[in-house]
N, C-alpha and C. Protein backbone atom coordinates (compact mmCIF):
# COMPACT_ATOMS: atom_id res chain seq x y z
N MET A 1 25.06 -1.47 8.29
CA MET A 1 24.18 -1.29 7.65
C MET A 1 23.21 -0.03 7.76
N SER A 2 22.83 0.69 7.56
CA SER A 2 22.00 1.98 8.03
C SER A 2 20.30 1.65 7.85
N VAL A 3 19.67 2.06 8.54
CA VAL A 3 18.69 2.39 8.91
C VAL A 3 17.78 3.54 8.44
N ARG A 4 16.89 3.83 7.55
CA ARG A 4 16.27 5.36 7.29
C ARG A 4 14.95 5.43 7.36
N ARG A 5 14.11 5.87 8.29
CA ARG A 5 12.81 6.01 8.65
C ARG A 5 12.34 7.20 8.18
N ILE A 6 11.02 7.04 7.57
CA ILE A 6 10.13 8.20 7.27
C ILE A 6 8.87 8.23 7.74
N GLU A 7 8.40 9.75 8.10
CA GLU A 7 7.39 9.78 8.87
C GLU A 7 7.42 8.96 10.07
N THR A 8 8.31 9.20 10.96
CA THR A 8 8.03 8.58 12.33
C THR A 8 7.25 9.05 13.12
N SER A 9 6.78 7.81 13.80
CA SER A 9 5.52 8.30 15.02
C SER A 9 6.25 7.49 16.23
N PRO A 10 5.62 7.98 17.49
CA PRO A 10 6.07 6.89 18.62
C PRO A 10 5.54 5.55 18.36
N ARG A 11 4.61 5.28 17.52
CA ARG A 11 4.12 3.79 17.13
C ARG A 11 4.78 3.21 16.20
N PHE A 12 5.13 3.80 15.20
CA PHE A 12 5.23 3.28 13.82
C PHE A 12 5.84 4.03 12.93
N SER A 13 6.57 3.84 11.92
CA SER A 13 7.04 4.71 10.75
C SER A 13 6.67 4.29 9.21
N GLU A 14 6.04 5.26 8.48
CA GLU A 14 5.50 5.02 7.40
C GLU A 14 5.98 4.30 6.39
N ALA A 15 7.22 4.28 6.34
CA ALA A 15 8.35 3.21 5.65
C ALA A 15 9.66 3.29 6.29
N VAL A 16 10.02 2.31 6.17
CA VAL A 16 11.60 2.16 6.58
C VAL A 16 12.66 1.52 5.36
N VAL A 17 13.52 2.10 5.19
CA VAL A 17 14.44 1.87 4.37
C VAL A 17 15.70 0.88 4.65
N HIS A 18 15.91 -0.02 4.42
CA HIS A 18 17.30 -0.79 4.92
C HIS A 18 17.67 -1.98 3.60
N ASN A 19 19.05 -2.05 3.59
CA ASN A 19 19.83 -2.82 2.78
C ASN A 19 19.06 -3.04 1.37
N GLY A 20 18.76 -1.61 0.84
CA GLY A 20 18.00 -1.51 -0.45
C GLY A 20 16.86 -2.01 -0.92
N VAL A 21 16.09 -2.15 0.29
CA VAL A 21 14.55 -2.34 0.27
C VAL A 21 13.72 -1.36 1.18
N VAL A 22 12.57 -0.64 0.55
CA VAL A 22 11.85 0.01 1.07
C VAL A 22 10.29 -0.88 2.10
N TYR A 23 10.01 -0.78 3.04
CA TYR A 23 8.86 -1.29 3.76
C TYR A 23 8.01 -0.46 3.93
N LEU A 24 6.84 -0.43 3.36
CA LEU A 24 5.92 0.43 3.73
C LEU A 24 5.00 -0.10 4.87
N SER A 25 4.37 0.62 5.90
CA SER A 25 3.63 0.14 6.57
C SER A 25 2.42 0.03 6.01
N GLY A 26 1.19 -0.60 6.79
CA GLY A 26 -0.31 -0.33 5.84
C GLY A 26 -0.81 1.08 5.64
N GLN A 27 -1.04 1.26 4.36
CA GLN A 27 -1.58 2.40 4.23
C GLN A 27 -3.11 2.25 3.91
N VAL A 28 -3.82 3.21 4.05
CA VAL A 28 -5.15 3.39 4.58
C VAL A 28 -5.74 4.63 3.60
N PRO A 29 -7.06 4.47 3.33
CA PRO A 29 -7.48 5.66 2.52
C PRO A 29 -7.43 7.16 3.13
N GLU A 30 -7.12 8.13 2.91
CA GLU A 30 -7.23 9.21 3.44
C GLU A 30 -8.67 9.92 3.77
N GLU A 31 -9.09 10.48 4.66
CA GLU A 31 -10.65 10.80 5.03
C GLU A 31 -11.58 11.27 3.95
N GLY A 32 -11.00 11.88 2.89
CA GLY A 32 -11.78 12.70 1.93
C GLY A 32 -12.09 11.79 0.85
N SER A 33 -11.63 10.09 0.83
CA SER A 33 -12.14 9.26 0.02
C SER A 33 -12.39 7.76 0.30
N LEU A 34 -13.59 8.15 1.11
CA LEU A 34 -13.82 7.11 1.58
C LEU A 34 -15.32 6.41 1.02
N ARG A 35 -15.68 7.09 0.14
CA ARG A 35 -17.08 6.80 -0.60
C ARG A 35 -17.41 5.59 -1.04
N ASP A 36 -16.04 4.70 -1.39
CA ASP A 36 -16.52 3.16 -1.97
C ASP A 36 -15.00 2.63 -2.34
N ALA A 37 -15.21 1.31 -2.30
CA ALA A 37 -13.58 0.50 -2.39
C ALA A 37 -12.67 1.06 -3.84
N LYS A 38 -13.35 1.58 -4.57
CA LYS A 38 -12.31 2.01 -5.67
C LYS A 38 -11.94 3.52 -5.23
N THR A 39 -12.57 3.83 -4.86
CA THR A 39 -11.93 5.14 -4.39
C THR A 39 -10.92 5.32 -3.33
N GLN A 40 -11.05 4.36 -2.43
CA GLN A 40 -10.36 4.22 -1.24
C GLN A 40 -9.02 3.65 -1.97
N MET A 41 -9.01 2.49 -2.63
CA MET A 41 -7.96 2.04 -3.36
C MET A 41 -6.95 2.95 -3.96
N GLU A 42 -7.83 3.82 -4.77
CA GLU A 42 -7.01 5.05 -5.62
C GLU A 42 -6.37 5.82 -4.36
N SER A 43 -6.74 6.33 -3.51
CA SER A 43 -6.36 6.86 -2.49
C SER A 43 -4.84 6.32 -1.63
N ILE A 44 -5.36 5.03 -1.55
CA ILE A 44 -4.00 4.08 -1.24
C ILE A 44 -3.03 4.47 -1.83
N LEU A 45 -3.39 3.92 -3.27
CA LEU A 45 -2.25 4.08 -4.22
C LEU A 45 -1.31 5.08 -4.36
N SER A 46 -2.00 6.19 -4.27
CA SER A 46 -1.13 7.81 -4.55
C SER A 46 -0.75 7.56 -3.41
N GLN A 47 -1.16 7.31 -2.20
CA GLN A 47 -0.12 7.50 -0.73
C GLN A 47 1.27 6.41 -1.00
N ILE A 48 1.03 5.60 -1.67
CA ILE A 48 2.28 4.38 -1.67
C ILE A 48 3.00 5.20 -2.78
N ASP A 49 2.67 5.57 -3.81
CA ASP A 49 3.21 6.52 -5.11
C ASP A 49 4.45 7.43 -4.40
N GLY A 50 3.76 8.17 -3.33
CA GLY A 50 4.67 9.29 -2.67
C GLY A 50 5.46 9.01 -1.80
N LEU A 51 4.87 7.84 -1.00
CA LEU A 51 6.07 7.14 -0.16
C LEU A 51 7.10 6.50 -0.90
N LEU A 52 6.97 5.70 -1.82
CA LEU A 52 8.03 4.92 -2.60
C LEU A 52 8.83 6.25 -3.32
N ALA A 53 8.78 7.18 -3.48
CA ALA A 53 9.46 8.24 -4.38
C ALA A 53 10.25 8.86 -3.10
N ARG A 54 9.76 9.20 -1.97
CA ARG A 54 10.58 9.42 -0.85
C ARG A 54 11.50 8.68 -0.50
N ALA A 55 11.17 7.48 -0.63
CA ALA A 55 12.46 6.36 -0.25
C ALA A 55 13.34 6.12 -1.30
N GLY A 56 13.00 6.74 -2.74
CA GLY A 56 14.13 6.52 -3.66
C GLY A 56 13.62 5.19 -4.31
N SER A 57 12.49 5.02 -4.90
CA SER A 57 11.69 3.79 -5.28
C SER A 57 10.56 4.06 -6.16
N ASN A 58 9.65 3.08 -6.59
CA ASN A 58 8.43 3.39 -7.29
C ASN A 58 7.80 2.07 -7.72
N LYS A 59 6.72 2.17 -8.10
CA LYS A 59 5.92 0.84 -8.16
C LYS A 59 6.22 -0.03 -9.14
N SER A 60 7.09 0.35 -10.24
CA SER A 60 7.72 -0.86 -11.05
C SER A 60 9.00 -1.73 -10.32
N HIS A 61 8.89 -1.07 -9.14
CA HIS A 61 10.18 -2.16 -8.46
C HIS A 61 9.53 -2.73 -7.29
N LEU A 62 8.02 -2.96 -6.94
CA LEU A 62 7.47 -3.34 -5.90
C LEU A 62 7.89 -5.02 -5.96
N LEU A 63 8.10 -5.47 -4.55
CA LEU A 63 8.84 -6.97 -4.52
C LEU A 63 7.56 -7.79 -3.75
N SER A 64 6.62 -7.20 -2.90
CA SER A 64 5.52 -7.91 -2.69
C SER A 64 4.52 -6.75 -1.88
N ALA A 65 3.26 -7.76 -1.65
CA ALA A 65 2.32 -6.53 -1.64
C ALA A 65 1.14 -7.55 -0.46
N THR A 66 0.60 -7.27 0.47
CA THR A 66 -0.28 -7.64 0.84
C THR A 66 -1.49 -6.58 1.12
N VAL A 67 -2.50 -7.03 0.77
CA VAL A 67 -3.79 -6.67 0.58
C VAL A 67 -4.67 -7.15 1.62
N TYR A 68 -5.02 -6.25 2.41
CA TYR A 68 -6.32 -6.44 3.55
C TYR A 68 -7.85 -6.00 3.03
N LEU A 69 -8.83 -6.76 2.91
CA LEU A 69 -10.25 -6.31 2.74
C LEU A 69 -11.03 -6.55 3.79
N THR A 70 -11.87 -5.76 4.20
CA THR A 70 -13.06 -6.00 4.89
C THR A 70 -13.90 -6.92 4.80
N SER A 71 -14.06 -7.07 3.29
CA SER A 71 -14.90 -7.89 2.66
C SER A 71 -14.60 -8.32 1.27
N PHE A 72 -14.87 -9.47 0.87
CA PHE A 72 -14.47 -9.65 -0.62
C PHE A 72 -15.25 -9.06 -1.62
N ASP A 73 -16.20 -8.38 -1.23
CA ASP A 73 -17.43 -7.44 -2.04
C ASP A 73 -16.42 -6.60 -2.59
N SER A 74 -15.12 -6.11 -1.87
CA SER A 74 -14.59 -5.09 -2.36
C SER A 74 -13.14 -5.74 -3.32
N TYR A 75 -13.05 -6.83 -3.70
CA TYR A 75 -12.25 -7.39 -4.41
C TYR A 75 -12.02 -7.24 -5.82
N SER A 76 -13.24 -7.06 -6.31
CA SER A 76 -13.51 -6.64 -7.90
C SER A 76 -12.74 -5.22 -8.29
N ALA A 77 -13.28 -4.34 -7.47
CA ALA A 77 -13.15 -3.00 -7.44
C ALA A 77 -11.46 -2.80 -6.96
N MET A 78 -10.95 -3.36 -5.91
CA MET A 78 -9.74 -3.32 -5.55
C MET A 78 -8.62 -3.37 -6.62
N ASN A 79 -9.28 -4.79 -7.41
CA ASN A 79 -8.02 -5.45 -8.52
C ASN A 79 -8.25 -4.39 -9.70
N GLU A 80 -9.43 -3.72 -9.72
CA GLU A 80 -9.61 -2.88 -11.34
C GLU A 80 -8.85 -1.66 -10.80
N ALA A 81 -8.31 -1.27 -9.78
CA ALA A 81 -7.85 0.07 -9.54
C ALA A 81 -6.37 -0.18 -9.79
N TRP A 82 -5.93 -1.73 -8.87
CA TRP A 82 -4.69 -2.47 -8.67
C TRP A 82 -3.94 -2.37 -10.20
N GLU A 83 -5.09 -2.66 -11.24
CA GLU A 83 -4.61 -3.11 -12.62
C GLU A 83 -4.13 -2.17 -13.48
N ALA A 84 -4.83 -0.82 -12.82
CA ALA A 84 -4.84 0.49 -13.70
C ALA A 84 -3.47 0.84 -13.38
N TRP A 85 -3.05 0.74 -12.19
CA TRP A 85 -2.15 1.57 -11.40
C TRP A 85 -0.84 1.00 -11.87
N LEU A 86 -0.74 -0.64 -12.10
CA LEU A 86 0.54 -1.32 -12.05
C LEU A 86 1.08 -1.19 -13.33
N PRO A 87 2.32 -0.85 -13.55
CA PRO A 87 3.07 -1.24 -14.63
C PRO A 87 2.70 -2.37 -15.54
N PRO A 88 2.89 -2.46 -16.68
CA PRO A 88 2.91 -4.01 -17.21
C PRO A 88 4.15 -4.82 -16.85
N GLY A 89 3.97 -6.06 -16.52
CA GLY A 89 5.13 -6.64 -16.23
C GLY A 89 5.94 -6.32 -15.08
N SER A 90 5.21 -5.48 -14.29
CA SER A 90 5.75 -5.32 -12.73
C SER A 90 5.06 -5.78 -11.57
N ALA A 91 4.06 -6.67 -11.70
CA ALA A 91 3.38 -7.39 -10.71
C ALA A 91 4.00 -8.14 -9.57
N PRO A 92 4.14 -7.56 -8.10
CA PRO A 92 4.67 -8.21 -7.10
C PRO A 92 4.22 -9.34 -6.65
N ALA A 93 4.50 -10.24 -5.92
CA ALA A 93 4.31 -11.40 -5.36
C ALA A 93 3.20 -10.65 -4.22
N ARG A 94 2.14 -11.23 -4.27
CA ARG A 94 1.07 -10.56 -3.18
C ARG A 94 0.13 -11.46 -2.91
N ALA A 95 -0.65 -11.22 -1.81
CA ALA A 95 -1.66 -12.22 -1.11
C ALA A 95 -2.58 -10.99 -0.65
N THR A 96 -3.99 -11.38 -0.64
CA THR A 96 -5.19 -10.82 -0.35
C THR A 96 -5.59 -11.33 0.99
N ILE A 97 -6.05 -10.95 1.53
CA ILE A 97 -6.53 -11.47 2.89
C ILE A 97 -7.84 -10.78 2.89
N GLY A 98 -9.04 -11.34 3.16
CA GLY A 98 -10.43 -10.88 3.49
C GLY A 98 -11.13 -11.11 4.69
N ASN A 99 -12.09 -10.46 4.88
CA ASN A 99 -13.02 -10.59 6.22
C ASN A 99 -12.26 -10.40 7.46
N VAL A 100 -11.12 -9.24 7.22
CA VAL A 100 -10.72 -8.39 8.28
C VAL A 100 -11.30 -7.36 8.87
N THR A 101 -10.97 -7.01 10.40
CA THR A 101 -11.33 -5.81 10.76
C THR A 101 -10.38 -4.81 10.84
N LEU A 102 -10.23 -3.53 10.28
CA LEU A 102 -9.24 -2.57 10.14
C LEU A 102 -9.30 -1.69 11.38
N ALA A 103 -8.74 -0.70 11.66
CA ALA A 103 -8.86 0.03 13.01
C ALA A 103 -10.18 0.83 12.99
N LYS A 104 -10.35 1.74 11.66
CA LYS A 104 -11.60 2.42 11.46
C LYS A 104 -12.69 1.51 10.85
N LYS A 105 -13.76 1.65 11.15
CA LYS A 105 -14.88 1.02 10.11
C LYS A 105 -15.04 1.61 8.80
N GLU A 106 -14.66 2.57 8.81
CA GLU A 106 -15.14 3.15 7.25
C GLU A 106 -14.25 2.70 6.39
N TRP A 107 -13.22 2.20 6.86
CA TRP A 107 -11.91 1.82 6.16
C TRP A 107 -12.32 0.52 5.55
N LEU A 108 -12.28 0.17 4.13
CA LEU A 108 -12.35 -1.15 3.25
C LEU A 108 -11.27 -1.90 2.85
N ILE A 109 -10.17 -1.09 3.06
CA ILE A 109 -8.98 -1.94 2.41
C ILE A 109 -7.59 -1.32 3.05
N GLU A 110 -6.57 -1.88 3.34
CA GLU A 110 -5.33 -1.57 4.00
C GLU A 110 -4.28 -2.35 3.27
N ILE A 111 -3.19 -1.80 2.70
CA ILE A 111 -2.37 -2.46 1.82
C ILE A 111 -0.90 -2.21 2.42
N MET A 112 -0.20 -3.06 2.51
CA MET A 112 1.45 -3.18 3.04
C MET A 112 2.33 -3.50 1.65
N VAL A 113 3.08 -2.90 1.26
CA VAL A 113 4.13 -3.07 0.03
C VAL A 113 5.51 -3.27 0.52
N SER A 114 6.33 -3.69 -0.05
CA SER A 114 7.75 -3.68 0.22
C SER A 114 8.33 -3.48 -1.53
N ALA A 115 9.42 -2.41 -1.60
CA ALA A 115 9.80 -2.41 -3.19
C ALA A 115 11.44 -2.38 -3.03
N ALA A 116 12.17 -2.47 -3.90
CA ALA A 116 13.55 -2.31 -4.23
C ALA A 116 13.76 -1.21 -4.19
N VAL A 117 14.81 -0.32 -4.07
CA VAL A 117 15.24 0.84 -3.86
C VAL A 117 16.18 1.03 -5.38
N LEU A 118 16.07 2.04 -5.72
CA LEU A 118 16.79 2.03 -7.06
C LEU A 118 18.31 2.40 -7.05
């Protein structure tokens, strides 16, 4: 079985493809999108789209998602963006974990997903 790594650094890869599944590292908002939870979520979802495409998959093939929130105050905004982005009938298994400390204080959300490769 081969393992393909996407955007690898000394510490981690943004995505790893193995055995028909792509695993994404935790995605955080880009620097220009730190205004609020909804904007951060939209930035993260755009990054997920790009990484899934590079791995040969897309959001309709999501298997699981783990969402980390610094506060449950962001829960509604996160869900609003998530539901607008996700194709009908393709919701993955998902866990949402709140009141966590992320690597940068301005980040409100981090998301990890896995998806089937097409």
